Amino acid sequence: MSEIQKIFNEYGLDFDNNKYGIGRSTEIEYTDGTEKRTHEHVKIARIHARYFRFWIGKIVFIIDSDKPHFCVRRKSRWNFKIVYGKSGR
């Protein structure tokens, strides 16, 4: 496996990654483009950004401490998620 490029720790309402909806999940992105999801807490040595993500249907609203501070994205799959997250290396 290649080196870790970015880590995302998310907390909140997420029916995609938590059996009962509420909880925490961690996504690890590697330099080769692969990703790994886990429910274990992975410590972020250096936090790059904090964000709120509201995913309703196929539209995601993101409020981020990094630029752009607000954006809207369209996804190909349907989900419902309201989470607070931290990203870094």
C-alpha atoms as a PDB file:
ATOM      1  CA  MET A   1       0.000   0.000   0.000  1.00  0.00           C
ATOM      2  CA  SER A   2       1.267   3.478  -0.753  1.00  0.00           C
ATOM      3  CA  GLU A   3       1.651   6.415   1.607  1.00  0.00           C
ATOM      4  CA  ILE A   4      -1.273   8.200   3.245  1.00  0.00           C
ATOM      5  CA  GLN A   5      -2.181  11.367   1.394  1.00  0.00           C
ATOM      6  CA  LYS A   6      -5.130  12.597   3.490  1.00  0.00           C
ATOM      7  CA  ILE A   7      -7.255  11.541   6.477  1.00  0.00           C
ATOM      8  CA  PHE A   8     -10.886  12.583   7.071  1.00  0.00           C
ATOM      9  CA  ASN A   9     -12.487  12.096  10.514  1.00  0.00           C
ATOM     10  CA  GLU A  10     -16.263  12.672  10.452  1.00  0.00           C
ATOM     11  CA  TYR A  11     -18.750  12.791  13.328  1.00  0.00           C
ATOM     12  CA  GLY A  12     -22.522  13.020  13.096  1.00  0.00           C
ATOM     13  CA  LEU A  13     -25.537  11.645  11.277  1.00  0.00           C
ATOM     14  CA  ASP A  14     -24.364   9.368   8.461  1.00  0.00           C
ATOM     15  CA  PHE A  15     -26.559   6.462   7.321  1.00  0.00           C
ATOM     16  CA  ASP A  16     -23.997   5.449   4.709  1.00  0.00           C
ATOM     17  CA  ASN A  17     -21.232   4.568   7.179  1.00  0.00           C
ATOM     18  CA  ASN A  18     -22.972   4.031  10.537  1.00  0.00           C
ATOM     19  CA  LYS A  19     -25.436   1.218  11.179  1.00  0.00           C
ATOM     20  CA  TYR A  20     -27.702   3.308  13.419  1.00  0.00           C
ATOM     21  CA  GLY A  21     -27.020   6.632  11.716  1.00  0.00           C
ATOM     22  CA  ILE A  22     -25.093   8.441  14.453  1.00  0.00           C
ATOM     23  CA  GLY A  23     -21.399   7.867  14.977  1.00  0.00           C
ATOM     24  CA  ARG A  24     -17.961   8.500  13.599  1.00  0.00           C
ATOM     25  CA  SER A  25     -16.103   7.276  10.565  1.00  0.00           C
ATOM     26  CA  THR A  26     -12.644   7.738   9.128  1.00  0.00           C
ATOM     27  CA  GLU A  27     -11.647   7.765   5.484  1.00  0.00           C
ATOM     28  CA  ILE A  28      -8.000   7.407   4.506  1.00  0.00           C
ATOM     29  CA  GLU A  29      -6.890   8.393   1.005  1.00  0.00           C
ATOM     30  CA  TYR A  30      -3.609   7.001  -0.317  1.00  0.00           C
ATOM     31  CA  THR A  31      -1.287   8.515  -2.927  1.00  0.00           C
ATOM     32  CA  ASP A  32      -2.139   5.744  -5.423  1.00  0.00           C
ATOM     33  CA  GLY A  33      -5.809   6.847  -5.414  1.00  0.00           C
ATOM     34  CA  THR A  34      -7.204   4.043  -3.233  1.00  0.00           C
ATOM     35  CA  GLU A  35      -9.374   4.742  -0.191  1.00  0.00           C
ATOM     36  CA  LYS A  36     -10.119   2.909   3.036  1.00  0.00           C
ATOM     37  CA  ARG A  37     -13.075   3.493   5.396  1.00  0.00           C
ATOM     38  CA  THR A  38     -13.017   2.474   9.047  1.00  0.00           C
ATOM     39  CA  HIS A  39     -14.854   3.202  12.297  1.00  0.00           C
ATOM     40  CA  GLU A  40     -11.595   3.315  14.245  1.00  0.00           C
ATOM     41  CA  HIS A  41     -10.305   6.739  15.206  1.00  0.00           C
ATOM     42  CA  VAL A  42      -7.150   7.638  13.285  1.00  0.00           C
ATOM     43  CA  LYS A  43      -5.248  10.551  14.785  1.00  0.00           C
ATOM     44  CA  ILE A  44      -4.533  13.454  12.458  1.00  0.00           C
ATOM     45  CA  ALA A  45      -1.060  14.816  13.201  1.00  0.00           C
ATOM     46  CA  ARG A  46      -1.659  18.112  11.418  1.00  0.00           C
ATOM     47  CA  ILE A  47      -5.236  19.323  10.862  1.00  0.00           C
ATOM     48  CA  HIS A  48      -5.569  21.114   7.535  1.00  0.00           C
ATOM     49  CA  ALA A  49      -9.282  22.005   7.595  1.00  0.00           C
ATOM     50  CA  ARG A  50     -12.541  21.642   9.510  1.00  0.00           C
ATOM     51  CA  TYR A  51     -15.864  21.379   7.721  1.00  0.00           C
ATOM     52  CA  PHE A  52     -19.607  20.779   7.933  1.00  0.00           C
ATOM     53  CA  ARG A  53     -21.119  18.611   5.223  1.00  0.00           C
ATOM     54  CA  PHE A  54     -24.864  18.437   4.506  1.00  0.00           C
ATOM     55  CA  TRP A  55     -25.623  15.705   1.969  1.00  0.00           C
ATOM     56  CA  ILE A  56     -29.277  15.549   0.957  1.00  0.00           C
ATOM     57  CA  GLY A  57     -30.137  13.274  -1.946  1.00  0.00           C
ATOM     58  CA  LYS A  58     -27.483  13.775  -4.608  1.00  0.00           C
ATOM     59  CA  ILE A  59     -26.504  17.315  -3.556  1.00  0.00           C
ATOM     60  CA  VAL A  60     -23.785  18.092  -1.002  1.00  0.00           C
ATOM     61  CA  PHE A  61     -23.436  21.482   0.705  1.00  0.00           C
ATOM     62  CA  ILE A  62     -19.996  22.028   2.251  1.00  0.00           C
ATOM     63  CA  ILE A  63     -18.970  24.784   4.664  1.00  0.00           C
ATOM     64  CA  ASP A  64     -15.195  24.600   5.015  1.00  0.00           C
ATOM     65  CA  SER A  65     -12.462  26.466   6.899  1.00  0.00           C
ATOM     66  CA  ASP A  66     -10.294  26.033   3.791  1.00  0.00           C
ATOM     67  CA  LYS A  67     -11.014  27.697   0.442  1.00  0.00           C
ATOM     68  CA  PRO A  68     -13.558  27.665  -1.050  1.00  0.00           C
ATOM     69  CA  HIS A  69     -15.389  28.338   2.204  1.00  0.00           C
ATOM     70  CA  PHE A  70     -18.757  27.301   0.766  1.00  0.00           C
ATOM     71  CA  CYS A  71     -19.460  25.017  -2.169  1.00  0.00           C
ATOM     72  CA  VAL A  72     -22.192  22.814  -3.568  1.00  0.00           C
ATOM     73  CA  ARG A  73     -21.367  19.513  -5.266  1.00  0.00           C
ATOM     74  CA  ARG A  74     -23.451  16.963  -7.119  1.00  0.00           C
ATOM     75  CA  LYS A  75     -22.835  13.255  -6.456  1.00  0.00           C
ATOM     76  CA  SER A  76     -23.887  10.250  -8.524  1.00  0.00           C
ATOM     77  CA  ARG A  77     -25.418   8.313  -5.609  1.00  0.00           C
ATOM     78  CA  TRP A  78     -28.120   9.174  -3.096  1.00  0.00           C
ATOM     79  CA  ASN A  79     -27.307   9.682   0.610  1.00  0.00           C
ATOM     80  CA  PHE A  80     -28.396  11.593   3.703  1.00  0.00           C
ATOM     81  CA  LYS A  81     -25.596  12.890   5.890  1.00  0.00           C
ATOM     82  CA  ILE A  82     -25.034  15.765   8.330  1.00  0.00           C
ATOM     83  CA  VAL A  83     -21.485  15.645   9.671  1.00  0.00           C
ATOM     84  CA  TYR A  84     -18.703  17.683  11.210  1.00  0.00           C
ATOM     85  CA  GLY A  85     -15.276  16.692   9.948  1.00  0.00           C
ATOM     86  CA  LYS A  86     -11.569  17.331  10.206  1.00  0.00           C
ATOM     87  CA  SER A  87      -9.073  16.649   7.462  1.00  0.00           C
ATOM     88  CA  GLY A  88      -5.304  16.529   7.414  1.00  0.00           C
ATOM     89  CA  ARG A  89      -2.269  14.313   7.111  1.00  0.00           C
END
